[in-house]
C-alpha atoms as a PDB file:
ATOM      1  CA  MET A   1      -0.005   0.156   0.128  1.00  0.00           C
ATOM      2  CA  TYR A   2       1.009   3.591  -0.847  1.00  0.00           C
ATOM      3  CA  LYS A   3       1.428   6.852   1.201  1.00  0.00           C
ATOM      4  CA  ILE A   4      -0.564   9.511  -0.318  1.00  0.00           C
ATOM      5  CA  ALA A   5      -0.839  13.240   0.303  1.00  0.00           C
ATOM      6  CA  VAL A   6      -4.361  14.492  -0.778  1.00  0.00           C
ATOM      7  CA  VAL A   7      -3.732  18.450  -0.978  1.00  0.00           C
ATOM      8  CA  GLY A   8      -7.324  20.298  -0.571  1.00  0.00           C
ATOM      9  CA  ALA A   9     -10.072  18.797   1.358  1.00  0.00           C
ATOM     10  CA  GLY A  10     -13.066  19.949  -0.564  1.00  0.00           C
ATOM     11  CA  PRO A  11     -15.632  17.537  -2.160  1.00  0.00           C
ATOM     12  CA  SER A  12     -12.791  16.206  -4.709  1.00  0.00           C
ATOM     13  CA  GLY A  13     -10.103  16.011  -2.232  1.00  0.00           C
ATOM     14  CA  ALA A  14     -12.061  14.417   0.589  1.00  0.00           C
ATOM     15  CA  SER A  15     -13.797  11.981  -1.872  1.00  0.00           C
ATOM     16  CA  ALA A  16     -10.252  10.878  -3.082  1.00  0.00           C
ATOM     17  CA  GLY A  17      -9.039  10.552   0.511  1.00  0.00           C
ATOM     18  CA  TYR A  18     -12.084   8.435   1.422  1.00  0.00           C
ATOM     19  CA  HIS A  19     -11.735   6.006  -1.261  1.00  0.00           C
ATOM     20  CA  LEU A  20      -8.087   5.730  -0.937  1.00  0.00           C
ATOM     21  CA  ALA A  21      -8.015   5.044   2.633  1.00  0.00           C
ATOM     22  CA  LYS A  22     -10.906   2.604   2.441  1.00  0.00           C
ATOM     23  CA  ASN A  23      -8.802   0.649  -0.074  1.00  0.00           C
ATOM     24  CA  GLY A  24      -5.691   0.605   2.567  1.00  0.00           C
ATOM     25  CA  HIS A  25      -3.489   3.261   1.681  1.00  0.00           C
ATOM     26  CA  HIS A  26      -1.981   5.683   4.275  1.00  0.00           C
ATOM     27  CA  VAL A  27      -3.537   8.944   3.332  1.00  0.00           C
ATOM     28  CA  THR A  28      -2.823  12.386   4.832  1.00  0.00           C
ATOM     29  CA  LEU A  29      -5.477  14.902   3.898  1.00  0.00           C
ATOM     30  CA  ILE A  30      -4.215  18.539   3.883  1.00  0.00           C
ATOM     31  CA  ASP A  31      -5.964  21.766   3.796  1.00  0.00           C
ATOM     32  CA  LYS A  32      -5.179  25.371   4.870  1.00  0.00           C
ATOM     33  CA  GLU A  33      -8.480  25.812   6.415  1.00  0.00           C
ATOM     34  CA  SER A  34     -10.678  24.225   9.257  1.00  0.00           C
ATOM     35  CA  PHE A  35     -14.040  22.719   8.610  1.00  0.00           C
ATOM     36  CA  PRO A  36     -16.925  23.514   8.508  1.00  0.00           C
ATOM     37  CA  ARG A  37     -16.381  26.237   6.056  1.00  0.00           C
ATOM     38  CA  ASP A  38     -18.455  27.815   3.362  1.00  0.00           C
ATOM     39  CA  LYS A  39     -18.075  28.371  -0.159  1.00  0.00           C
ATOM     40  CA  PRO A  40     -20.140  30.453  -2.791  1.00  0.00           C
ATOM     41  CA  CYS A  41     -21.660  28.062  -5.554  1.00  0.00           C
ATOM     42  CA  GLY A  42     -25.335  27.045  -6.778  1.00  0.00           C
ATOM     43  CA  ASP A  43     -25.939  24.621  -3.949  1.00  0.00           C
ATOM     44  CA  GLY A  44     -27.215  22.045  -6.230  1.00  0.00           C
ATOM     45  CA  ILE A  45     -26.579  18.355  -5.415  1.00  0.00           C
ATOM     46  CA  THR A  46     -27.663  16.482  -8.842  1.00  0.00           C
ATOM     47  CA  PRO A  47     -28.566  12.869  -9.122  1.00  0.00           C
ATOM     48  CA  GLN A  48     -25.080  12.173 -10.338  1.00  0.00           C
ATOM     49  CA  SER A  49     -23.707  13.609  -6.986  1.00  0.00           C
ATOM     50  CA  VAL A  50     -26.081  12.118  -4.805  1.00  0.00           C
ATOM     51  CA  ARG A  51     -24.980   8.711  -6.222  1.00  0.00           C
ATOM     52  CA  GLY A  52     -21.464   9.412  -5.628  1.00  0.00           C
ATOM     53  CA  LEU A  53     -22.105  10.768  -2.001  1.00  0.00           C
ATOM     54  CA  ALA A  54     -23.951   7.274  -1.327  1.00  0.00           C
ATOM     55  CA  THR A  55     -20.804   5.383  -2.088  1.00  0.00           C
ATOM     56  CA  MET A  56     -19.348   7.043   1.117  1.00  0.00           C
ATOM     57  CA  GLY A  57     -22.430   6.388   3.136  1.00  0.00           C
ATOM     58  CA  ILE A  58     -23.868   9.823   2.843  1.00  0.00           C
ATOM     59  CA  GLU A  59     -27.530   9.106   1.963  1.00  0.00           C
ATOM     60  CA  ARG A  60     -30.206  11.418   1.664  1.00  0.00           C
ATOM     61  CA  GLU A  61     -31.690  10.946   5.184  1.00  0.00           C
ATOM     62  CA  TYR A  62     -28.328  11.276   6.711  1.00  0.00           C
ATOM     63  CA  VAL A  63     -27.816  14.620   4.884  1.00  0.00           C
ATOM     64  CA  LYS A  64     -31.068  16.014   6.046  1.00  0.00           C
ATOM     65  CA  LYS A  65     -30.234  15.396   9.613  1.00  0.00           C
ATOM     66  CA  PHE A  66     -27.271  18.230   9.455  1.00  0.00           C
ATOM     67  CA  ALA A  67     -28.503  20.432   6.786  1.00  0.00           C
ATOM     68  CA  SER A  68     -29.993  23.692   8.215  1.00  0.00           C
ATOM     69  CA  GLU A  69     -31.860  23.997   4.785  1.00  0.00           C
ATOM     70  CA  TYR A  70     -32.737  21.106   2.483  1.00  0.00           C
ATOM     71  CA  HIS A  71     -34.915  20.979  -0.719  1.00  0.00           C
ATOM     72  CA  SER A  72     -35.526  18.192  -3.108  1.00  0.00           C
ATOM     73  CA  TRP A  73     -35.755  18.818  -6.881  1.00  0.00           C
ATOM     74  CA  ASN A  74     -37.764  16.270  -9.147  1.00  0.00           C
ATOM     75  CA  SER A  75     -37.670  18.076 -12.475  1.00  0.00           C
ATOM     76  CA  ALA A  76     -35.259  20.314 -14.541  1.00  0.00           C
ATOM     77  CA  LEU A  77     -35.819  22.950 -17.188  1.00  0.00           C
ATOM     78  CA  LEU A  78     -33.496  23.815 -19.782  1.00  0.00           C
ATOM     79  CA  GLY A  79     -34.115  26.836 -21.766  1.00  0.00           C
ATOM     80  CA  ILE A  80     -32.432  27.208 -25.211  1.00  0.00           C
ATOM     81  CA  ASN A  81     -33.081  30.193 -27.509  1.00  0.00           C
ATOM     82  CA  ASP A  82     -36.403  30.847 -25.765  1.00  0.00           C
ATOM     83  CA  ARG A  83     -37.573  27.467 -25.881  1.00  0.00           C
ATOM     84  CA  ASP A  84     -38.057  25.124 -22.725  1.00  0.00           C
ATOM     85  CA  TYR A  85     -37.278  21.434 -22.465  1.00  0.00           C
ATOM     86  CA  PHE A  86     -38.612  19.952 -19.131  1.00  0.00           C
ATOM     87  CA  TYR A  87     -37.370  16.582 -17.836  1.00  0.00           C
ATOM     88  CA  LYS A  88     -38.922  14.812 -15.131  1.00  0.00           C
ATOM     89  CA  PHE A  89     -36.627  12.871 -12.586  1.00  0.00           C
ATOM     90  CA  SER A  90     -37.665   9.389 -11.810  1.00  0.00           C
ATOM     91  CA  ASP A  91     -38.304   8.719  -8.023  1.00  0.00           C
ATOM     92  CA  GLY A  92     -35.123   7.140  -7.492  1.00  0.00           C
ATOM     93  CA  ASP A  93     -32.988   9.779  -9.002  1.00  0.00           C
ATOM     94  CA  LEU A  94     -33.846  13.128  -7.331  1.00  0.00           C
ATOM     95  CA  GLY A  95     -31.348  15.954  -6.833  1.00  0.00           C
ATOM     96  CA  PHE A  96     -31.594  18.150  -3.786  1.00  0.00           C
ATOM     97  CA  CYS A  97     -29.998  21.410  -2.233  1.00  0.00           C
ATOM     98  CA  ILE A  98     -27.969  21.781   0.918  1.00  0.00           C
ATOM     99  CA  PRO A  99     -25.474  24.439   1.897  1.00  0.00           C
ATOM    100  CA  ARG A 100     -22.028  23.844   0.942  1.00  0.00           C
ATOM    101  CA  TYR A 101     -20.697  24.343   4.134  1.00  0.00           C
ATOM    102  CA  VAL A 102     -22.831  21.436   5.435  1.00  0.00           C
ATOM    103  CA  LEU A 103     -21.735  19.151   2.312  1.00  0.00           C
ATOM    104  CA  ASP A 104     -18.184  19.864   2.617  1.00  0.00           C
ATOM    105  CA  HIS A 105     -18.081  18.938   6.385  1.00  0.00           C
ATOM    106  CA  LEU A 106     -20.131  15.800   5.881  1.00  0.00           C
ATOM    107  CA  ILE A 107     -17.651  14.603   3.223  1.00  0.00           C
ATOM    108  CA  TYR A 108     -14.563  15.701   5.011  1.00  0.00           C
ATOM    109  CA  GLU A 109     -15.645  13.833   8.125  1.00  0.00           C
ATOM    110  CA  ARG A 110     -16.361  10.729   6.412  1.00  0.00           C
ATOM    111  CA  ALA A 111     -12.737  10.889   5.078  1.00  0.00           C
ATOM    112  CA  ILE A 112     -11.329  11.110   8.532  1.00  0.00           C
ATOM    113  CA  GLU A 113     -13.662   8.400   9.601  1.00  0.00           C
ATOM    114  CA  ALA A 114     -12.262   6.244   6.826  1.00  0.00           C
ATOM    115  CA  GLY A 115      -8.467   6.658   8.178  1.00  0.00           C
ATOM    116  CA  CYS A 116      -7.439   9.733   6.685  1.00  0.00           C
ATOM    117  CA  ILE A 117      -5.035  11.776   8.855  1.00  0.00           C
ATOM    118  CA  PRO A 118      -6.001  15.533   8.825  1.00  0.00           C
ATOM    119  CA  HIS A 119      -3.324  18.261   8.585  1.00  0.00           C
ATOM    120  CA  LYS A 120      -3.574  21.857   8.492  1.00  0.00           C
ATOM    121  CA  GLN A 121      -1.101  23.474   5.854  1.00  0.00           C
ATOM    122  CA  SER A 122      -1.239  25.987   3.132  1.00  0.00           C
ATOM    123  CA  VAL A 123       0.479  24.569  -0.162  1.00  0.00           C
ATOM    124  CA  ASN A 124       0.777  27.182  -2.944  1.00  0.00           C
ATOM    125  CA  ASN A 125       3.393  25.303  -5.262  1.00  0.00           C
ATOM    126  CA  ILE A 126       2.545  21.688  -5.652  1.00  0.00           C
ATOM    127  CA  SER A 127       5.816  20.870  -7.278  1.00  0.00           C
ATOM    128  CA  GLN A 128       7.807  22.254  -4.378  1.00  0.00           C
ATOM    129  CA  PHE A 129       5.547  20.188  -1.841  1.00  0.00           C
ATOM    130  CA  SER A 130       6.201  17.169  -3.866  1.00  0.00           C
ATOM    131  CA  SER A 131      10.114  17.702  -3.846  1.00  0.00           C
ATOM    132  CA  ASP A 132      10.050  18.798  -0.150  1.00  0.00           C
ATOM    133  CA  PHE A 133       8.079  15.679   0.963  1.00  0.00           C
ATOM    134  CA  LYS A 134       9.349  13.189  -1.903  1.00  0.00           C
ATOM    135  CA  GLN A 135      10.560  10.654   0.755  1.00  0.00           C
ATOM    136  CA  GLU A 136       7.524  10.882   2.727  1.00  0.00           C
ATOM    137  CA  PHE A 137       4.857  10.482   0.032  1.00  0.00           C
ATOM    138  CA  ASP A 138       4.538   7.874  -2.938  1.00  0.00           C
ATOM    139  CA  TYR A 139       1.982   9.940  -4.547  1.00  0.00           C
ATOM    140  CA  ILE A 140       0.165  13.395  -4.422  1.00  0.00           C
ATOM    141  CA  VAL A 141      -3.369  14.277  -5.219  1.00  0.00           C
ATOM    142  CA  ASP A 142      -3.883  17.775  -6.064  1.00  0.00           C
ATOM    143  CA  ALA A 143      -7.255  18.868  -4.943  1.00  0.00           C
ATOM    144  CA  ARG A 144      -6.802  22.636  -4.331  1.00  0.00           C
ATOM    145  CA  GLY A 145      -9.790  23.576  -6.410  1.00  0.00           C
ATOM    146  CA  ILE A 146     -10.039  26.593  -8.998  1.00  0.00           C
ATOM    147  CA  PHE A 147      -6.433  28.140  -7.863  1.00  0.00           C
ATOM    148  CA  ALA A 148      -4.718  24.967  -9.160  1.00  0.00           C
ATOM    149  CA  GLY A 149      -6.788  24.703 -12.263  1.00  0.00           C
ATOM    150  CA  GLU A 150      -7.529  27.067 -15.063  1.00  0.00           C
ATOM    151  CA  CYS A 151     -10.345  29.677 -14.394  1.00  0.00           C
ATOM    152  CA  ASN A 152     -12.226  29.896 -17.717  1.00  0.00           C
ATOM    153  CA  LEU A 153     -15.772  30.986 -16.444  1.00  0.00           C
ATOM    154  CA  ILE A 154     -16.837  33.610 -13.531  1.00  0.00           C
ATOM    155  CA  ALA A 155     -20.089  33.446 -11.784  1.00  0.00           C
ATOM    156  CA  ILE A 156     -22.388  35.771  -9.742  1.00  0.00           C
ATOM    157  CA  ARG A 157     -25.055  34.577  -7.439  1.00  0.00           C
ATOM    158  CA  GLU A 158     -27.357  35.992  -4.812  1.00  0.00           C
ATOM    159  CA  TYR A 159     -30.588  34.426  -3.090  1.00  0.00           C
ATOM    160  CA  TRP A 160     -34.001  35.510  -3.550  1.00  0.00           C
ATOM    161  CA  SER A 161     -37.105  34.981  -1.249  1.00  0.00           C
ATOM    162  CA  LEU A 162     -40.589  35.594  -2.657  1.00  0.00           C
ATOM    163  CA  PRO A 163     -43.904  34.424  -1.842  1.00  0.00           C
ATOM    164  CA  LEU A 164     -44.942  30.852  -3.251  1.00  0.00           C
ATOM    165  CA  GLU A 165     -48.012  32.004  -4.820  1.00  0.00           C
ATOM    166  CA  CYS A 166     -45.985  34.320  -7.207  1.00  0.00           C
ATOM    167  CA  LEU A 167     -44.437  31.125  -8.791  1.00  0.00           C
ATOM    168  CA  PRO A 168     -46.077  28.446 -10.544  1.00  0.00           C
ATOM    169  CA  SER A 169     -46.267  25.383  -8.603  1.00  0.00           C
ATOM    170  CA  LYS A 170     -44.283  23.341 -11.124  1.00  0.00           C
ATOM    171  CA  TYR A 171     -41.277  25.505 -10.482  1.00  0.00           C
ATOM    172  CA  HIS A 172     -41.168  25.199  -6.700  1.00  0.00           C
ATOM    173  CA  SER A 173     -38.987  21.870  -7.175  1.00  0.00           C
ATOM    174  CA  SER A 174     -37.621  22.388 -10.435  1.00  0.00           C
ATOM    175  CA  LEU A 175     -33.909  23.566 -11.192  1.00  0.00           C
ATOM    176  CA  GLN A 176     -33.926  25.936 -14.160  1.00  0.00           C
ATOM    177  CA  VAL A 177     -30.759  26.608 -16.664  1.00  0.00           C
ATOM    178  CA  TYR A 178     -31.055  29.060 -19.617  1.00  0.00           C
ATOM    179  CA  PHE A 179     -28.771  29.330 -22.353  1.00  0.00           C
ATOM    180  CA  ASP A 180     -30.868  31.772 -24.279  1.00  0.00           C
ATOM    181  CA  ILE A 181     -29.291  33.995 -27.090  1.00  0.00           C
ATOM    182  CA  SER A 182     -31.246  36.677 -25.281  1.00  0.00           C
ATOM    183  CA  LEU A 183     -29.056  36.656 -22.364  1.00  0.00           C
ATOM    184  CA  GLY A 184     -26.558  38.438 -24.363  1.00  0.00           C
ATOM    185  CA  ILE A 185     -23.336  36.645 -22.984  1.00  0.00           C
ATOM    186  CA  SER A 186     -21.421  33.269 -23.658  1.00  0.00           C
ATOM    187  CA  GLY A 187     -22.710  31.662 -20.406  1.00  0.00           C
ATOM    188  CA  TYR A 188     -26.130  30.643 -18.693  1.00  0.00           C
ATOM    189  CA  LEU A 189     -28.522  31.895 -16.224  1.00  0.00           C
ATOM    190  CA  TRP A 190     -29.777  29.488 -13.281  1.00  0.00           C
ATOM    191  CA  ILE A 191     -32.660  29.607 -10.848  1.00  0.00           C
ATOM    192  CA  PHE A 192     -32.392  26.885  -8.473  1.00  0.00           C
ATOM    193  CA  PRO A 193     -35.020  26.468  -5.602  1.00  0.00           C
ATOM    194  CA  VAL A 194     -33.063  25.958  -2.501  1.00  0.00           C
ATOM    195  CA  ALA A 195     -35.481  26.117   0.428  1.00  0.00           C
ATOM    196  CA  LEU A 196     -39.322  26.091   0.985  1.00  0.00           C
ATOM    197  CA  ASN A 197     -41.596  26.942   4.118  1.00  0.00           C
ATOM    198  CA  ASP A 198     -45.346  27.551   4.371  1.00  0.00           C
ATOM    199  CA  LYS A 199     -45.114  31.119   2.624  1.00  0.00           C
ATOM    200  CA  LEU A 200     -41.663  31.564   1.112  1.00  0.00           C
ATOM    201  CA  LEU A 201     -39.592  30.036  -1.458  1.00  0.00           C
ATOM    202  CA  LYS A 202     -35.836  30.700  -1.513  1.00  0.00           C
ATOM    203  CA  LEU A 203     -34.033  30.771  -4.970  1.00  0.00           C
ATOM    204  CA  ASN A 204     -30.273  30.779  -5.710  1.00  0.00           C
ATOM    205  CA  VAL A 205     -30.116  33.017  -8.656  1.00  0.00           C
ATOM    206  CA  GLY A 206     -26.834  33.375 -10.625  1.00  0.00           C
ATOM    207  CA  CYS A 207     -24.985  33.375 -14.083  1.00  0.00           C
ATOM    208  CA  GLY A 208     -21.847  32.228 -15.335  1.00  0.00           C
ATOM    209  CA  TYR A 209     -19.964  34.053 -17.937  1.00  0.00           C
ATOM    210  CA  THR A 210     -16.905  33.183 -19.809  1.00  0.00           C
ATOM    211  CA  ILE A 211     -13.487  34.699 -18.765  1.00  0.00           C
ATOM    212  CA  LYS A 212     -12.664  35.265 -22.507  1.00  0.00           C
ATOM    213  CA  GLU A 213     -15.663  37.358 -22.951  1.00  0.00           C
ATOM    214  CA  TYR A 214     -15.326  39.218 -19.869  1.00  0.00           C
ATOM    215  CA  LYS A 215     -11.743  40.255 -20.655  1.00  0.00           C
ATOM    216  CA  GLN A 216     -12.828  41.467 -24.110  1.00  0.00           C
ATOM    217  CA  ASN A 217     -15.944  43.341 -23.106  1.00  0.00           C
ATOM    218  CA  LYS A 218     -14.523  44.797 -19.849  1.00  0.00           C
ATOM    219  CA  LYS A 219     -17.917  44.887 -18.531  1.00  0.00           C
ATOM    220  CA  ASN A 220     -18.741  45.198 -14.765  1.00  0.00           C
ATOM    221  CA  LEU A 221     -20.046  41.877 -13.853  1.00  0.00           C
ATOM    222  CA  ILE A 222     -22.656  43.086 -11.451  1.00  0.00           C
ATOM    223  CA  SER A 223     -23.954  45.399 -14.221  1.00  0.00           C
ATOM    224  CA  VAL A 224     -24.045  42.431 -16.794  1.00  0.00           C
ATOM    225  CA  PHE A 225     -26.002  40.203 -13.929  1.00  0.00           C
ATOM    226  CA  GLU A 226     -28.560  42.944 -13.363  1.00  0.00           C
ATOM    227  CA  ASN A 227     -29.169  43.514 -17.054  1.00  0.00           C
ATOM    228  CA  ILE A 228     -29.785  39.673 -17.550  1.00  0.00           C
ATOM    229  CA  ILE A 229     -32.081  39.666 -14.729  1.00  0.00           C
ATOM    230  CA  ALA A 230     -34.042  42.625 -16.033  1.00  0.00           C
ATOM    231  CA  ASN A 231     -34.394  41.295 -19.659  1.00  0.00           C
ATOM    232  CA  HIS A 232     -34.799  37.736 -19.216  1.00  0.00           C
ATOM    233  CA  ARG A 233     -38.422  36.341 -19.920  1.00  0.00           C
ATOM    234  CA  PHE A 234     -38.762  34.425 -16.773  1.00  0.00           C
ATOM    235  CA  ALA A 235     -36.532  36.053 -14.145  1.00  0.00           C
ATOM    236  CA  SER A 236     -37.852  39.537 -14.913  1.00  0.00           C
ATOM    237  CA  ASN A 237     -41.429  38.258 -13.980  1.00  0.00           C
ATOM    238  CA  LEU A 238     -40.029  37.064 -10.498  1.00  0.00           C
ATOM    239  CA  LEU A 239     -38.080  40.224  -9.657  1.00  0.00           C
ATOM    240  CA  PRO A 240     -41.003  42.588  -8.908  1.00  0.00           C
ATOM    241  CA  HIS A 241     -42.296  39.764  -6.202  1.00  0.00           C
ATOM    242  CA  VAL A 242     -39.006  39.505  -4.323  1.00  0.00           C
ATOM    243  CA  VAL A 243     -39.052  40.166  -0.714  1.00  0.00           C
ATOM    244  CA  THR A 244     -35.418  39.972   0.036  1.00  0.00           C
ATOM    245  CA  ARG A 245     -32.427  39.823  -1.898  1.00  0.00           C
ATOM    246  CA  THR A 246     -28.830  39.136  -0.440  1.00  0.00           C
ATOM    247  CA  LYS A 247     -25.528  40.456  -1.312  1.00  0.00           C
ATOM    248  CA  LYS A 248     -24.115  39.159  -4.647  1.00  0.00           C
ATOM    249  CA  LYS A 249     -21.090  36.855  -4.387  1.00  0.00           C
ATOM    250  CA  VAL A 250     -18.872  36.474  -7.384  1.00  0.00           C
ATOM    251  CA  TYR A 251     -16.590  33.254  -7.819  1.00  0.00           C
ATOM    252  CA  PRO A 252     -14.202  31.627 -10.504  1.00  0.00           C
ATOM    253  CA  LEU A 253     -14.904  28.243 -12.070  1.00  0.00           C
ATOM    254  CA  ALA A 254     -12.983  25.859 -14.012  1.00  0.00           C
ATOM    255  CA  MET A 255     -14.890  24.160 -16.870  1.00  0.00           C
ATOM    256  CA  THR A 256     -13.580  21.217 -18.692  1.00  0.00           C
ATOM    257  CA  LYS A 257     -11.130  22.013 -21.365  1.00  0.00           C
ATOM    258  CA  TRP A 258      -9.366  20.207 -24.515  1.00  0.00           C
ATOM    259  CA  ASN A 259      -6.122  18.276 -23.979  1.00  0.00           C
ATOM    260  CA  ASN A 260      -6.399  18.661 -20.107  1.00  0.00           C
ATOM    261  CA  LYS A 261      -3.494  17.252 -18.373  1.00  0.00           C
ATOM    262  CA  ILE A 262      -4.387  15.583 -15.147  1.00  0.00           C
ATOM    263  CA  CYS A 263      -1.339  13.482 -13.991  1.00  0.00           C
ATOM    264  CA  ASP A 264       2.576  14.584 -13.997  1.00  0.00           C
ATOM    265  CA  ARG A 265       4.630  11.936 -12.629  1.00  0.00           C
ATOM    266  CA  ASN A 266       3.316  11.058  -9.273  1.00  0.00           C
ATOM    267  CA  ILE A 267       0.978  14.033  -8.890  1.00  0.00           C
ATOM    268  CA  PHE A 268      -2.515  13.772 -10.017  1.00  0.00           C
ATOM    269  CA  LYS A 269      -5.359  16.477 -10.250  1.00  0.00           C
ATOM    270  CA  VAL A 270      -8.865  16.080  -9.385  1.00  0.00           C
ATOM    271  CA  GLY A 271     -12.169  18.297  -9.334  1.00  0.00           C
ATOM    272  CA  ASP A 272     -11.635  21.839  -9.961  1.00  0.00           C
ATOM    273  CA  ALA A 273      -7.769  21.451  -9.972  1.00  0.00           C
ATOM    274  CA  ALA A 274      -8.403  19.238 -13.167  1.00  0.00           C
ATOM    275  CA  ASN A 275     -11.031  21.341 -14.720  1.00  0.00           C
ATOM    276  CA  LEU A 276     -13.525  18.617 -14.311  1.00  0.00           C
ATOM    277  CA  THR A 277     -16.728  21.084 -14.250  1.00  0.00           C
ATOM    278  CA  ASP A 278     -19.183  20.060 -16.930  1.00  0.00           C
ATOM    279  CA  PRO A 279     -19.263  23.016 -19.470  1.00  0.00           C
ATOM    280  CA  LEU A 280     -23.010  22.289 -20.368  1.00  0.00           C
ATOM    281  CA  THR A 281     -24.531  22.272 -16.623  1.00  0.00           C
ATOM    282  CA  GLY A 282     -22.047  23.691 -14.713  1.00  0.00           C
ATOM    283  CA  GLU A 283     -21.958  20.219 -12.770  1.00  0.00           C
ATOM    284  CA  GLY A 284     -18.739  20.121 -10.756  1.00  0.00           C
ATOM    285  CA  ILE A 285     -19.474  18.171  -7.460  1.00  0.00           C
ATOM    286  CA  GLY A 286     -20.767  15.289  -8.952  1.00  0.00           C
ATOM    287  CA  ASN A 287     -17.910  14.885 -11.339  1.00  0.00           C
ATOM    288  CA  ALA A 288     -15.500  15.622  -8.622  1.00  0.00           C
ATOM    289  CA  ILE A 289     -16.734  12.953  -6.375  1.00  0.00           C
ATOM    290  CA  SER A 290     -17.308  10.180  -9.026  1.00  0.00           C
ATOM    291  CA  LYS A 291     -13.773  10.722 -10.642  1.00  0.00           C
ATOM    292  CA  SER A 292     -12.348  10.728  -7.215  1.00  0.00           C
ATOM    293  CA  ALA A 293     -13.677   7.153  -6.565  1.00  0.00           C
ATOM    294  CA  GLN A 294     -11.998   6.026  -9.722  1.00  0.00           C
END
């Protein structure tokens, strides 16, 4: 069995650490932060992610025990060129939403329970780290997220709360992703239901915008977002009914790229460090978890 350092303890790193430890390897799980910690994102756990979590014993009911907010999805809407395409999930293939600080902590805890040794350290240069510890570790898994990958998309999101009656019931449990030309950008808009009570529905609303176009146009991202919302055929109808809006958060994404190199001698990249986010759906967690298991 091998001695392995996993650098980065987000979903990809902690998942890789879990499966490696379960297979008998000696794993040191390294991260510069302490858990639980938060991370801006769309909060979505797709059916692919659900299946990946289940391989680590993180079942749906287990998640619900710890989630401050939890909401299941039973359908998806894909908007392309002003046409909507609905997909109904099967009963055994549902996605859900939970806060990221809950998700990351659950996976991290499972990795530690599997036998990973936690270690707090900041690693800026993975090659230097490999050189410094070449006698200590046989292999290194680089799971440092977007800062180890190539940022090719930038995203912005905020939360809306609005009365249930202002949104048709079929959308209460449906995630929406739009690639409409009317957006005016090379990117997409998402509207995800993330929490539901008797009176209000909470939505995660955001857009992804390519770095290339962002640099070419030099437009303020918040202005781009506000313009999309104000002119979009669905979001603009919701906006007048919004009761609360949170502060916007901007964060980078690492979409899949051609000829992506994910290994160099004894160093292997996973998750955002390997640019494994799906370019069509923005799905990163499912790919990070499933590829780490392999």
